[in-house]
Amino acid sequence: MVKNSFISVIPQEEKEKNKGSLEFQVFSFTNKIRRLTSHLELHRKDYLSQRGLRKILGKRQRILAYLSKKNRVRYKELIGQLDIREPKTR
């Protein structure tokens, strides 16, 4: 029911080849985050899922930080495609 709302930015053939690519990892983390967020809207006191969500958010944040340092163009494209906000800079 919820899975249909996820956008598939990466074509199916490309998914099979590049499961380790940074784009695919961020894409799959984003899907997990959206799924967990909708789960937590129903089950507010599911603290174990909240912990899992925070861990996945941290992983995605670290990958995005690495990508923004290494290749700013790919980073901007990915953020635009997945509709993710840029992290606040200090």
N, C-alpha and C. Protein backbone atom coordinates (compact mmCIF):
# COMPACT_ATOMS: atom_id res chain seq x y z
N MET A 1 0.82 -1.19 0.00
CA MET A 1 0.00 0.00 0.00
C MET A 1 0.86 1.25 0.00
N VAL A 2 1.91 1.27 0.83
CA VAL A 2 2.75 2.46 0.93
C VAL A 2 3.84 2.45 -0.15
N LYS A 3 4.28 1.25 -0.55
CA LYS A 3 5.39 1.14 -1.49
C LYS A 3 5.10 1.79 -2.84
N ASN A 4 3.82 1.86 -3.22
CA ASN A 4 3.48 2.45 -4.52
C ASN A 4 3.78 3.93 -4.58
N SER A 5 3.90 4.60 -3.44
CA SER A 5 4.11 6.04 -3.44
C SER A 5 5.57 6.42 -3.66
N PHE A 6 6.47 5.41 -3.67
CA PHE A 6 7.89 5.72 -3.85
C PHE A 6 8.20 5.94 -5.32
N ILE A 7 9.07 6.89 -5.57
CA ILE A 7 9.44 7.19 -6.93
C ILE A 7 10.68 6.39 -7.30
N SER A 8 10.68 5.85 -8.50
CA SER A 8 11.84 5.11 -8.96
C SER A 8 12.60 6.01 -9.92
N VAL A 9 13.66 6.61 -9.42
CA VAL A 9 14.45 7.54 -10.21
C VAL A 9 15.42 6.78 -11.09
N ILE A 10 15.89 5.64 -10.59
CA ILE A 10 16.91 4.86 -11.29
C ILE A 10 16.21 3.77 -12.12
N PRO A 11 16.53 3.67 -13.43
CA PRO A 11 15.91 2.63 -14.26
C PRO A 11 16.24 1.22 -13.75
N GLN A 12 15.38 0.25 -14.05
CA GLN A 12 15.51 -1.12 -13.52
C GLN A 12 16.83 -1.78 -13.93
N GLU A 13 17.25 -1.61 -15.20
CA GLU A 13 18.50 -2.25 -15.66
C GLU A 13 19.69 -1.70 -14.88
N GLU A 14 19.66 -0.40 -14.61
CA GLU A 14 20.76 0.24 -13.91
C GLU A 14 20.83 -0.24 -12.46
N LYS A 15 19.68 -0.55 -11.87
CA LYS A 15 19.65 -1.05 -10.50
C LYS A 15 20.42 -2.36 -10.39
N GLU A 16 20.23 -3.23 -11.37
CA GLU A 16 20.88 -4.55 -11.32
C GLU A 16 22.39 -4.42 -11.39
N LYS A 17 22.90 -3.47 -12.18
CA LYS A 17 24.34 -3.31 -12.35
C LYS A 17 25.00 -2.62 -11.17
N ASN A 18 24.39 -1.56 -10.65
CA ASN A 18 25.08 -0.66 -9.71
C ASN A 18 24.47 -0.67 -8.32
N LYS A 19 24.32 -1.84 -7.72
CA LYS A 19 23.73 -1.88 -6.37
C LYS A 19 24.65 -1.26 -5.34
N GLY A 20 25.93 -1.13 -5.64
CA GLY A 20 26.86 -0.54 -4.68
C GLY A 20 27.13 0.92 -4.91
N SER A 21 26.56 1.48 -5.98
CA SER A 21 26.84 2.89 -6.28
C SER A 21 26.24 3.78 -5.21
N LEU A 22 26.84 4.95 -5.04
CA LEU A 22 26.37 5.88 -4.01
C LEU A 22 24.92 6.29 -4.27
N GLU A 23 24.58 6.50 -5.54
CA GLU A 23 23.21 6.92 -5.88
C GLU A 23 22.21 5.86 -5.45
N PHE A 24 22.53 4.58 -5.74
CA PHE A 24 21.60 3.52 -5.38
C PHE A 24 21.47 3.40 -3.88
N GLN A 25 22.59 3.53 -3.16
CA GLN A 25 22.53 3.43 -1.70
C GLN A 25 21.66 4.53 -1.11
N VAL A 26 21.85 5.76 -1.59
CA VAL A 26 21.04 6.88 -1.08
C VAL A 26 19.58 6.67 -1.44
N PHE A 27 19.32 6.17 -2.66
CA PHE A 27 17.96 5.90 -3.11
C PHE A 27 17.28 4.87 -2.22
N SER A 28 17.98 3.77 -1.90
CA SER A 28 17.37 2.73 -1.08
C SER A 28 17.19 3.20 0.36
N PHE A 29 18.16 3.98 0.88
CA PHE A 29 17.99 4.53 2.23
C PHE A 29 16.79 5.47 2.27
N THR A 30 16.60 6.26 1.21
CA THR A 30 15.48 7.20 1.17
C THR A 30 14.16 6.45 1.17
N ASN A 31 14.09 5.34 0.42
CA ASN A 31 12.87 4.53 0.43
C ASN A 31 12.61 3.97 1.82
N LYS A 32 13.66 3.47 2.48
CA LYS A 32 13.50 2.94 3.83
C LYS A 32 13.04 4.02 4.80
N ILE A 33 13.61 5.20 4.66
CA ILE A 33 13.25 6.32 5.54
C ILE A 33 11.79 6.69 5.35
N ARG A 34 11.34 6.77 4.11
CA ARG A 34 9.94 7.12 3.86
C ARG A 34 9.00 6.05 4.37
N ARG A 35 9.40 4.77 4.23
CA ARG A 35 8.56 3.68 4.72
C ARG A 35 8.47 3.72 6.25
N LEU A 36 9.62 3.93 6.90
CA LEU A 36 9.63 3.98 8.37
C LEU A 36 8.86 5.20 8.89
N THR A 37 8.97 6.31 8.18
CA THR A 37 8.26 7.53 8.60
C THR A 37 6.75 7.30 8.58
N SER A 38 6.27 6.66 7.50
CA SER A 38 4.83 6.41 7.43
C SER A 38 4.41 5.39 8.49
N HIS A 39 5.29 4.43 8.82
CA HIS A 39 5.01 3.47 9.88
C HIS A 39 4.91 4.18 11.23
N LEU A 40 5.82 5.13 11.47
CA LEU A 40 5.84 5.81 12.76
C LEU A 40 4.69 6.79 12.93
N GLU A 41 4.08 7.21 11.81
CA GLU A 41 2.89 8.05 11.94
C GLU A 41 1.75 7.27 12.58
N LEU A 42 1.69 5.96 12.30
CA LEU A 42 0.66 5.11 12.89
C LEU A 42 1.05 4.65 14.30
N HIS A 43 2.32 4.29 14.47
CA HIS A 43 2.80 3.71 15.72
C HIS A 43 3.80 4.66 16.37
N ARG A 44 3.31 5.67 17.05
CA ARG A 44 4.16 6.72 17.59
C ARG A 44 5.14 6.23 18.65
N LYS A 45 4.78 5.20 19.39
CA LYS A 45 5.62 4.76 20.50
C LYS A 45 6.53 3.59 20.14
N ASP A 46 6.72 3.33 18.86
CA ASP A 46 7.61 2.26 18.43
C ASP A 46 9.04 2.78 18.46
N TYR A 47 9.64 2.71 19.63
CA TYR A 47 10.94 3.33 19.83
C TYR A 47 12.06 2.60 19.10
N LEU A 48 11.92 1.30 18.91
CA LEU A 48 12.95 0.55 18.19
C LEU A 48 13.00 0.99 16.73
N SER A 49 11.84 1.22 16.13
CA SER A 49 11.81 1.71 14.76
C SER A 49 12.35 3.14 14.67
N GLN A 50 12.10 3.93 15.72
CA GLN A 50 12.65 5.30 15.74
C GLN A 50 14.17 5.25 15.73
N ARG A 51 14.73 4.29 16.50
CA ARG A 51 16.18 4.15 16.55
C ARG A 51 16.71 3.74 15.18
N GLY A 52 16.03 2.78 14.55
CA GLY A 52 16.44 2.35 13.21
C GLY A 52 16.39 3.48 12.21
N LEU A 53 15.35 4.31 12.31
CA LEU A 53 15.21 5.46 11.42
C LEU A 53 16.37 6.43 11.61
N ARG A 54 16.73 6.70 12.87
CA ARG A 54 17.85 7.61 13.12
C ARG A 54 19.16 7.04 12.58
N LYS A 55 19.36 5.72 12.69
CA LYS A 55 20.59 5.11 12.17
C LYS A 55 20.66 5.24 10.65
N ILE A 56 19.54 4.98 9.97
CA ILE A 56 19.51 5.08 8.51
C ILE A 56 19.70 6.52 8.07
N LEU A 57 19.10 7.47 8.80
CA LEU A 57 19.28 8.89 8.48
C LEU A 57 20.75 9.28 8.58
N GLY A 58 21.42 8.78 9.62
CA GLY A 58 22.84 9.07 9.80
C GLY A 58 23.69 8.50 8.69
N LYS A 59 23.37 7.27 8.28
CA LYS A 59 24.12 6.64 7.18
C LYS A 59 23.96 7.45 5.90
N ARG A 60 22.69 7.82 5.61
CA ARG A 60 22.44 8.58 4.38
C ARG A 60 23.14 9.94 4.44
N GLN A 61 23.14 10.55 5.61
CA GLN A 61 23.79 11.85 5.77
C GLN A 61 25.29 11.75 5.52
N ARG A 62 25.90 10.68 6.04
CA ARG A 62 27.35 10.50 5.83
C ARG A 62 27.67 10.25 4.36
N ILE A 63 26.86 9.44 3.68
CA ILE A 63 27.10 9.18 2.25
C ILE A 63 26.94 10.47 1.45
N LEU A 64 25.90 11.25 1.77
CA LEU A 64 25.68 12.50 1.04
C LEU A 64 26.80 13.50 1.30
N ALA A 65 27.32 13.53 2.53
CA ALA A 65 28.43 14.44 2.83
C ALA A 65 29.66 14.05 2.02
N TYR A 66 29.93 12.75 1.93
CA TYR A 66 31.06 12.27 1.13
C TYR A 66 30.88 12.64 -0.34
N LEU A 67 29.66 12.42 -0.85
CA LEU A 67 29.39 12.70 -2.26
C LEU A 67 29.50 14.19 -2.55
N SER A 68 29.06 15.03 -1.61
CA SER A 68 29.13 16.48 -1.86
C SER A 68 30.58 16.96 -1.89
N LYS A 69 31.45 16.30 -1.12
CA LYS A 69 32.87 16.67 -1.15
C LYS A 69 33.54 16.21 -2.44
N LYS A 70 33.21 14.98 -2.88
CA LYS A 70 33.89 14.38 -4.03
C LYS A 70 33.38 14.88 -5.37
N ASN A 71 32.04 14.96 -5.50
CA ASN A 71 31.47 15.31 -6.80
C ASN A 71 30.20 16.12 -6.57
N ARG A 72 30.34 17.43 -6.59
CA ARG A 72 29.24 18.34 -6.27
C ARG A 72 28.09 18.24 -7.28
N VAL A 73 28.41 17.98 -8.55
CA VAL A 73 27.38 17.93 -9.59
C VAL A 73 26.46 16.71 -9.37
N ARG A 74 27.07 15.54 -9.15
CA ARG A 74 26.29 14.33 -8.89
C ARG A 74 25.43 14.50 -7.64
N TYR A 75 26.00 15.16 -6.63
CA TYR A 75 25.29 15.40 -5.37
C TYR A 75 24.05 16.26 -5.61
N LYS A 76 24.21 17.35 -6.35
CA LYS A 76 23.08 18.26 -6.62
C LYS A 76 21.99 17.54 -7.42
N GLU A 77 22.40 16.73 -8.42
CA GLU A 77 21.42 15.98 -9.22
C GLU A 77 20.62 15.03 -8.35
N LEU A 78 21.34 14.30 -7.49
CA LEU A 78 20.69 13.30 -6.64
C LEU A 78 19.72 13.95 -5.67
N ILE A 79 20.13 15.05 -5.06
CA ILE A 79 19.27 15.76 -4.12
C ILE A 79 18.00 16.25 -4.83
N GLY A 80 18.17 16.75 -6.05
CA GLY A 80 17.03 17.23 -6.81
C GLY A 80 16.08 16.11 -7.20
N GLN A 81 16.64 14.96 -7.62
CA GLN A 81 15.80 13.84 -8.04
C GLN A 81 15.00 13.25 -6.89
N LEU A 82 15.65 13.10 -5.73
CA LEU A 82 14.98 12.43 -4.61
C LEU A 82 14.21 13.40 -3.73
N ASP A 83 14.29 14.69 -4.03
CA ASP A 83 13.57 15.72 -3.28
C ASP A 83 13.97 15.70 -1.80
N ILE A 84 15.29 15.77 -1.58
CA ILE A 84 15.85 15.78 -0.22
C ILE A 84 16.35 17.19 0.05
N ARG A 85 16.18 17.66 1.27
CA ARG A 85 16.73 18.96 1.64
C ARG A 85 18.22 18.84 1.85
N GLU A 86 18.94 19.92 1.57
CA GLU A 86 20.37 19.94 1.86
C GLU A 86 20.56 20.11 3.35
N PRO A 87 21.57 19.48 3.93
CA PRO A 87 21.80 19.66 5.37
C PRO A 87 22.22 21.10 5.67
N LYS A 88 21.90 21.55 6.87
CA LYS A 88 22.27 22.89 7.27
C LYS A 88 23.78 22.94 7.51
N THR A 89 24.43 23.97 7.02
CA THR A 89 25.86 24.11 7.25
C THR A 89 26.09 24.95 8.48
N ARG A 90 27.15 24.64 9.19
CA ARG A 90 27.44 25.36 10.43
C ARG A 90 28.20 26.62 10.15
